[in-house]
Amino acid sequence: MKTRNLNRWLAVGALLFGAMDGAHAGEVNAAVAANFSAPAQQIAGLFQKQSGHTVKLSFGSSGKFYSQIKQGAPFDVFLAADEKNPKLLEQEGLAVANTRFVYALGKLVLWSARPGFVDDKGAVLGKGGYDKLAYADPKLAPYGLAAEETLQTMGLWNAAVQGKLVTGESIAQTYQFAATGNADMAFIALSQVTQDGKVTAGSWWLVPPHMYSPIRQSAVLLSGAKDQTAAQAFLKFLRSEQAAAVIRSFGYDKP
């Protein structure tokens, strides 16, 4: 009888402990720049295992996320591809002051799915031996603006090149244009074709950083989550050495 009662109390205790543990676990709704999708998935997985919190990731262009957040989209944290949009949200009272930080320094690459098509100096851009060049909408995506700046720096922002441009709504769609052959090559984030520190396929030119404005990818806690422990913990984890190792493995630099 005593054994039966003890087992019963142990079972009740386990249920209570599980309920208490579940009560402390939370969900983080994160808006993430499309270029950071692969590292974000790895970082979220590590965070979930260690914290018990869950992370729901949504990917898209930083400009579109900025507009959605202004319209009341229920995100808790914003991992943008730039500094401008998080800073604007902070100034407008939609992000918590003093929570904004740079989590990664992005790198621009000219990439083609075809081996040998893009040379390591980017000379292919001036030779004109291509039909379509993809880039992300510079009004929405910082990598698209960096691509435009690169072409301007090279003296190639002219009617001939502009007539060959295919514009993606996000850096993810821009990559798809080149990956599927709908564009001969594309300006994309190095992280999109990098794994474990190496470009995985195709041909590419790593654009020298002096050709475009620094891509300082910034994160911020949004006002609706100012008291949410899980969201605060996720941003803290994003600054950890574990997260930094993942970020570097996809070709980013750390500030």
Protein backbone atom coordinates (compact mmCIF):
# COMPACT_ATOMS: atom_id res chain seq x y z
CA MET A 1 0.00 0.00 0.00
CA LYS A 2 2.79 2.40 0.96
CA THR A 3 4.59 1.66 -2.29
CA ARG A 4 1.40 2.30 -4.25
CA ASN A 5 0.84 5.64 -2.49
CA LEU A 6 4.47 6.63 -2.99
CA ASN A 7 4.23 5.89 -6.71
CA ARG A 8 1.04 7.91 -6.90
CA TRP A 9 2.70 10.93 -5.26
CA LEU A 10 5.73 10.60 -7.51
CA ALA A 11 3.45 10.59 -10.55
CA VAL A 12 1.57 13.66 -9.30
CA GLY A 13 4.88 15.39 -8.57
CA ALA A 14 6.14 14.69 -12.07
CA LEU A 15 2.99 16.16 -13.57
CA LEU A 16 3.25 19.25 -11.40
CA PHE A 17 6.93 19.71 -12.26
CA GLY A 18 6.15 19.35 -15.96
CA ALA A 19 3.38 21.91 -15.70
CA MET A 20 5.67 24.33 -13.87
CA ASP A 21 8.44 23.79 -16.40
CA GLY A 22 6.00 24.37 -19.27
CA ALA A 23 4.74 27.52 -17.58
CA HIS A 24 8.27 28.97 -17.71
CA ALA A 25 8.81 28.04 -21.36
CA GLY A 26 7.84 30.67 -23.88
CA GLU A 27 7.64 31.26 -27.63
CA VAL A 28 9.61 33.88 -29.51
CA ASN A 29 8.16 35.23 -32.73
CA ALA A 30 11.16 36.45 -34.75
CA ALA A 31 11.23 38.49 -37.95
CA VAL A 32 14.50 37.60 -39.69
CA ALA A 33 16.17 39.07 -42.78
CA ALA A 34 16.11 36.49 -45.58
CA ASN A 35 19.90 36.39 -45.95
CA PHE A 36 20.18 35.12 -42.36
CA SER A 37 17.70 32.26 -42.69
CA ALA A 38 20.14 29.33 -42.52
CA PRO A 39 22.19 30.56 -39.54
CA ALA A 40 19.01 31.68 -37.77
CA GLN A 41 17.60 28.15 -38.00
CA GLN A 42 20.75 26.68 -36.49
CA ILE A 43 20.93 29.29 -33.74
CA ALA A 44 17.24 28.87 -32.90
CA GLY A 45 17.73 25.10 -32.67
CA LEU A 46 20.60 25.48 -30.22
CA PHE A 47 18.65 28.02 -28.19
CA GLN A 48 15.57 25.81 -28.00
CA LYS A 49 17.57 22.82 -26.75
CA GLN A 50 19.27 24.82 -24.03
CA SER A 51 16.42 27.06 -22.88
CA GLY A 52 13.22 25.09 -23.44
CA HIS A 53 11.76 28.11 -25.22
CA THR A 54 10.58 27.78 -28.81
CA VAL A 55 11.34 30.16 -31.66
CA LYS A 56 9.04 30.81 -34.61
CA LEU A 57 11.07 32.24 -37.50
CA SER A 58 9.63 34.33 -40.34
CA PHE A 59 11.92 35.32 -43.23
CA GLY A 60 11.67 38.26 -45.62
CA SER A 61 13.08 41.64 -46.61
CA SER A 62 13.97 44.10 -43.87
CA GLY A 63 11.95 46.86 -45.51
CA LYS A 64 8.79 44.77 -45.63
CA PHE A 65 9.22 43.67 -42.02
CA TYR A 66 9.60 47.30 -40.98
CA SER A 67 6.26 48.13 -42.64
CA GLN A 68 4.54 45.08 -41.12
CA ILE A 69 5.77 45.91 -37.62
CA LYS A 70 4.52 49.48 -38.01
CA GLN A 71 1.13 48.03 -38.95
CA GLY A 72 1.03 45.88 -35.80
CA ALA A 73 2.51 42.54 -36.87
CA PRO A 74 2.98 40.50 -33.65
CA PHE A 75 6.76 40.00 -33.76
CA ASP A 76 8.86 39.93 -30.61
CA VAL A 77 12.32 40.44 -32.06
CA PHE A 78 13.61 41.80 -35.36
CA LEU A 79 16.85 40.55 -36.93
CA ALA A 80 17.30 42.99 -39.79
CA ALA A 81 19.87 43.14 -42.58
CA ASP A 82 20.71 46.74 -41.70
CA GLU A 83 20.86 49.31 -38.91
CA LYS A 84 18.38 51.76 -40.40
CA ASN A 85 15.12 49.85 -39.93
CA PRO A 86 15.69 48.78 -36.29
CA LYS A 87 16.81 52.32 -35.48
CA LEU A 88 13.66 53.79 -37.02
CA LEU A 89 11.48 51.42 -34.99
CA GLU A 90 13.34 52.48 -31.85
CA GLN A 91 12.84 56.16 -32.66
CA GLU A 92 9.13 55.54 -33.31
CA GLY A 93 8.62 53.77 -29.97
CA LEU A 94 8.05 50.37 -31.58
CA ALA A 95 11.33 48.88 -30.29
CA VAL A 96 12.78 48.91 -26.79
CA ALA A 97 15.50 51.53 -26.28
CA ASN A 98 19.05 50.29 -25.71
CA THR A 99 18.33 46.74 -26.93
CA ARG A 100 19.61 47.26 -30.49
CA PHE A 101 22.96 45.72 -31.44
CA VAL A 102 24.89 44.56 -34.52
CA TYR A 103 24.88 40.77 -34.65
CA ALA A 104 26.66 40.25 -37.99
CA LEU A 105 28.57 42.09 -40.70
CA GLY A 106 27.28 41.03 -44.10
CA LYS A 107 29.31 40.41 -47.26
CA LEU A 108 28.11 40.86 -50.83
CA VAL A 109 28.96 38.32 -53.52
CA LEU A 110 28.29 38.10 -57.24
CA TRP A 111 27.30 34.48 -57.81
CA SER A 112 26.33 32.20 -60.69
CA ALA A 113 25.12 28.63 -60.54
CA ARG A 114 27.35 27.95 -63.56
CA PRO A 115 30.95 26.98 -62.69
CA GLY A 116 33.50 29.27 -64.34
CA PHE A 117 30.95 31.90 -65.37
CA VAL A 118 31.88 34.54 -62.78
CA ASP A 119 35.58 35.38 -62.51
CA ASP A 120 37.26 36.31 -59.24
CA LYS A 121 37.57 40.00 -60.22
CA GLY A 122 33.99 40.62 -61.34
CA ALA A 123 35.19 41.48 -64.85
CA VAL A 124 32.20 39.58 -66.28
CA LEU A 125 30.03 42.57 -65.38
CA GLY A 126 31.91 44.84 -67.80
CA LYS A 127 32.19 42.37 -70.64
CA GLY A 128 28.44 42.20 -71.25
CA GLY A 129 28.37 38.49 -72.04
CA TYR A 130 25.21 37.84 -70.04
CA ASP A 131 21.48 38.40 -70.45
CA LYS A 132 20.11 38.78 -66.92
CA LEU A 133 21.64 40.05 -63.67
CA ALA A 134 19.54 39.69 -60.52
CA TYR A 135 19.62 41.90 -57.47
CA ALA A 136 17.26 42.57 -54.58
CA ASP A 137 15.04 45.65 -54.52
CA PRO A 138 17.34 48.34 -53.05
CA LYS A 139 14.33 50.04 -51.44
CA LEU A 140 13.58 46.94 -49.38
CA ALA A 141 16.82 44.97 -49.08
CA PRO A 142 20.20 46.33 -47.92
CA TYR A 143 22.03 43.81 -50.11
CA GLY A 144 20.21 45.21 -53.13
CA LEU A 145 21.39 48.70 -52.21
CA ALA A 146 24.93 47.35 -51.82
CA ALA A 147 24.69 45.83 -55.32
CA GLU A 148 23.59 49.15 -56.77
CA GLU A 149 26.45 50.93 -54.99
CA THR A 150 28.91 48.35 -56.34
CA LEU A 151 27.80 48.91 -59.93
CA GLN A 152 28.06 52.68 -59.39
CA THR A 153 31.56 52.32 -57.95
CA MET A 154 32.56 50.25 -61.00
CA GLY A 155 31.10 52.85 -63.37
CA LEU A 156 28.56 50.31 -64.62
CA TRP A 157 25.31 51.88 -63.39
CA ASN A 158 24.26 52.67 -66.95
CA ALA A 159 21.38 51.96 -69.31
CA ALA A 160 23.03 48.85 -70.76
CA VAL A 161 23.39 47.13 -67.39
CA GLN A 162 20.11 48.43 -65.97
CA GLY A 163 18.33 46.92 -68.97
CA LYS A 164 19.55 43.48 -67.89
CA LEU A 165 18.55 43.75 -64.23
CA VAL A 166 15.99 41.39 -62.69
CA THR A 167 14.71 42.63 -59.33
CA GLY A 168 13.84 40.29 -56.46
CA GLU A 169 11.51 41.28 -53.65
CA SER A 170 14.00 39.82 -51.19
CA ILE A 171 17.51 38.42 -51.24
CA ALA A 172 15.98 34.92 -51.08
CA GLN A 173 14.05 35.45 -54.31
CA THR A 174 17.15 37.00 -55.88
CA TYR A 175 19.13 33.86 -55.12
CA GLN A 176 16.38 31.73 -56.66
CA PHE A 177 16.59 33.68 -59.92
CA ALA A 178 20.23 32.66 -60.31
CA ALA A 179 19.89 29.17 -58.85
CA THR A 180 17.13 28.25 -61.31
CA GLY A 181 18.81 29.83 -64.32
CA ASN A 182 16.28 32.63 -64.72
CA ALA A 183 19.24 34.97 -64.30
CA ASP A 184 22.83 34.32 -65.39
CA MET A 185 24.14 35.63 -62.06
CA ALA A 186 23.03 37.56 -59.02
CA PHE A 187 24.27 39.86 -56.30
CA ILE A 188 23.43 38.01 -53.09
CA ALA A 189 24.65 37.54 -49.53
CA LEU A 190 27.75 35.39 -49.19
CA SER A 191 25.93 33.45 -46.46
CA GLN A 192 23.41 32.11 -48.98
CA VAL A 193 26.03 30.02 -50.77
CA THR A 194 28.37 29.35 -47.84
CA GLN A 195 28.45 26.43 -45.44
CA ASP A 196 31.21 25.65 -42.95
CA GLY A 197 33.17 28.59 -44.30
CA LYS A 198 33.18 27.49 -47.95
CA VAL A 199 31.13 28.41 -51.02
CA THR A 200 29.29 25.23 -51.90
CA ALA A 201 28.61 25.54 -55.65
CA GLY A 202 28.88 27.62 -58.80
CA SER A 203 31.27 30.50 -59.44
CA TRP A 204 31.57 33.76 -57.55
CA TRP A 205 33.29 37.07 -56.91
CA LEU A 206 33.51 38.32 -53.34
CA VAL A 207 32.88 42.04 -53.76
CA PRO A 208 35.53 44.15 -51.98
CA PRO A 209 33.89 45.89 -49.00
CA HIS A 210 35.08 49.36 -50.07
CA MET A 211 32.68 49.19 -53.02
CA TYR A 212 29.52 49.42 -50.89
CA SER A 213 28.32 50.78 -47.57
CA PRO A 214 28.91 48.46 -44.58
CA ILE A 215 26.10 45.95 -44.07
CA ARG A 216 25.69 46.11 -40.29
CA GLN A 217 22.93 43.61 -39.56
CA SER A 218 21.17 44.67 -36.38
CA ALA A 219 18.75 43.04 -33.95
CA VAL A 220 16.30 44.69 -31.58
CA LEU A 221 13.65 43.77 -29.00
CA LEU A 222 10.23 45.01 -30.10
CA SER A 223 8.01 46.93 -27.70
CA GLY A 224 5.29 44.30 -27.48
CA ALA A 225 7.83 41.89 -25.99
CA LYS A 226 9.54 44.28 -23.56
CA ASP A 227 8.57 42.08 -20.60
CA GLN A 228 8.91 38.74 -22.35
CA THR A 229 11.66 36.62 -20.82
CA ALA A 230 11.96 34.25 -23.78
CA ALA A 231 12.54 37.08 -26.29
CA GLN A 232 15.15 38.70 -24.06
CA ALA A 233 16.89 35.35 -23.62
CA PHE A 234 16.97 34.73 -27.38
CA LEU A 235 18.66 38.06 -28.06
CA LYS A 236 21.15 37.36 -25.29
CA PHE A 237 21.90 33.98 -26.88
CA LEU A 238 22.38 35.67 -30.25
CA ARG A 239 25.32 37.51 -28.66
CA SER A 240 26.88 34.32 -27.27
CA GLU A 241 30.03 32.59 -28.50
CA GLN A 242 27.92 29.63 -29.64
CA ALA A 243 25.88 31.87 -31.91
CA ALA A 244 29.03 33.68 -33.09
CA ALA A 245 30.55 30.38 -34.24
CA VAL A 246 27.47 29.65 -36.34
CA ILE A 247 27.43 33.17 -37.77
CA ARG A 248 31.08 32.98 -38.83
CA SER A 249 30.59 29.56 -40.43
CA PHE A 250 28.22 31.18 -42.95
CA GLY A 251 30.77 33.77 -44.04
CA TYR A 252 29.76 36.72 -41.88
CA ASP A 253 32.16 38.78 -39.79
CA LYS A 254 31.40 39.74 -36.21
CA PRO A 255 31.63 43.38 -35.09
